[in-house]
Amino acid sequence: MYEKGLQETKEFNKLYGDFTSPIARDVDYWYDNTLKPVRDAINYMYDKGIDPTRSAEGRALIQKLINQAPVAKLNQIRQSAKIADEYVKNRGTM
């Protein structure tokens, strides 16, 4: 059970951990809906003495955060970032 929760957390970080875009509001939205809730939850759990990956309560909270992530909007922003990067790249070569 511990390994499953750890693996899901690693996959979430792999998908949503690193993000860059020339559009600042997209970066802010990304952070506010991926990393910030996870960091806040982990800090909350440590403050309460809950182990995030070894306790059932910690794993449940992490799973809830993963399930609540607005995946469709995040994928849309990821695509928008690719388009914006191409625009900036092409604009620089003109």
Protein backbone atom coordinates (compact mmCIF):
# COMPACT_ATOMS: atom_id res chain seq x y z
CA MET A 1 0.00 0.00 0.00
CA TYR A 2 2.86 2.36 0.85
CA GLU A 3 4.50 1.74 -2.53
CA LYS A 4 1.26 2.45 -4.42
CA GLY A 5 0.83 5.84 -2.75
CA LEU A 6 4.46 6.71 -3.35
CA GLN A 7 4.20 5.71 -7.00
CA GLU A 8 1.05 7.81 -7.52
CA THR A 9 2.77 10.81 -5.97
CA LYS A 10 5.81 10.35 -8.21
CA GLU A 11 3.59 10.10 -11.30
CA PHE A 12 1.70 13.26 -10.29
CA ASN A 13 4.98 15.15 -9.82
CA LYS A 14 6.27 13.82 -13.13
CA LEU A 15 3.17 15.03 -14.98
CA TYR A 16 2.57 18.31 -13.18
CA GLY A 17 5.77 19.21 -11.35
CA ASP A 18 7.69 21.11 -14.01
CA PHE A 19 5.95 23.71 -16.10
CA THR A 20 7.16 26.79 -17.89
CA SER A 21 5.33 29.23 -20.13
CA PRO A 22 5.83 32.75 -21.45
CA ILE A 23 2.32 33.47 -20.15
CA ALA A 24 2.59 34.43 -16.48
CA ARG A 25 -1.06 33.81 -15.60
CA ASP A 26 -0.76 30.24 -16.93
CA VAL A 27 2.25 29.62 -14.70
CA ASP A 28 0.34 31.06 -11.72
CA TYR A 29 -2.73 28.91 -12.47
CA TRP A 30 -0.53 25.84 -12.87
CA TYR A 31 1.20 26.43 -9.54
CA ASP A 32 -2.05 27.23 -7.72
CA ASN A 33 -3.67 24.00 -8.92
CA THR A 34 -0.82 21.51 -8.77
CA LEU A 35 2.14 22.18 -6.52
CA LYS A 36 0.66 24.61 -4.02
CA PRO A 37 -2.19 22.34 -2.83
CA VAL A 38 0.16 19.39 -2.51
CA ARG A 39 2.76 21.37 -0.58
CA ASP A 40 0.09 22.88 1.66
CA ALA A 41 -1.38 19.43 2.36
CA ILE A 42 2.01 17.90 3.12
CA ASN A 43 2.89 20.77 5.45
CA TYR A 44 -0.50 20.37 7.16
CA MET A 45 0.07 16.64 7.63
CA TYR A 46 3.55 17.13 9.08
CA ASP A 47 2.22 19.83 11.42
CA LYS A 48 -0.41 17.36 12.65
CA GLY A 49 2.10 14.52 12.96
CA ILE A 50 0.69 12.52 10.03
CA ASP A 51 3.07 10.65 7.76
CA PRO A 52 1.94 11.53 4.21
CA THR A 53 2.80 8.17 2.63
CA ARG A 54 2.74 5.65 5.46
CA SER A 55 -0.56 6.53 7.11
CA ALA A 56 -3.94 5.78 5.58
CA GLU A 57 -5.06 9.34 6.30
CA GLY A 58 -2.03 10.80 4.50
CA ARG A 59 -2.45 8.58 1.46
CA ALA A 60 -6.16 9.40 1.31
CA LEU A 61 -5.48 13.13 1.38
CA ILE A 62 -2.85 12.85 -1.36
CA GLN A 63 -5.22 10.73 -3.48
CA LYS A 64 -7.98 13.31 -2.96
CA LEU A 65 -5.67 16.09 -4.18
CA ILE A 66 -4.69 14.09 -7.25
CA ASN A 67 -8.33 13.35 -8.07
CA GLN A 68 -9.35 17.00 -7.63
CA ALA A 69 -6.71 18.36 -10.00
CA PRO A 70 -8.38 20.10 -12.96
CA VAL A 71 -6.70 17.83 -15.51
CA ALA A 72 -8.54 19.11 -18.59
CA LYS A 73 -7.67 22.74 -17.84
CA LEU A 74 -4.07 21.81 -17.02
CA ASN A 75 -3.70 19.97 -20.31
CA GLN A 76 -5.17 22.97 -22.10
CA ILE A 77 -2.64 25.25 -20.41
CA ARG A 78 0.18 22.84 -21.30
CA GLN A 79 -0.88 23.03 -24.96
CA SER A 80 -1.16 26.81 -24.74
CA ALA A 81 2.38 26.97 -23.37
CA LYS A 82 3.69 24.96 -26.33
CA ILE A 83 1.98 27.35 -28.74
CA ALA A 84 3.29 30.39 -26.85
CA ASP A 85 6.83 28.96 -26.87
CA GLU A 86 6.63 28.45 -30.63
CA TYR A 87 5.33 31.99 -31.06
CA VAL A 88 8.20 33.45 -29.04
CA LYS A 89 10.71 31.30 -30.92
CA ASN A 90 9.33 32.32 -34.32
CA ARG A 91 9.02 35.94 -33.30
CA GLY A 92 12.72 35.96 -32.43
CA THR A 93 13.73 34.69 -35.85
CA MET A 94 11.82 37.38 -37.77
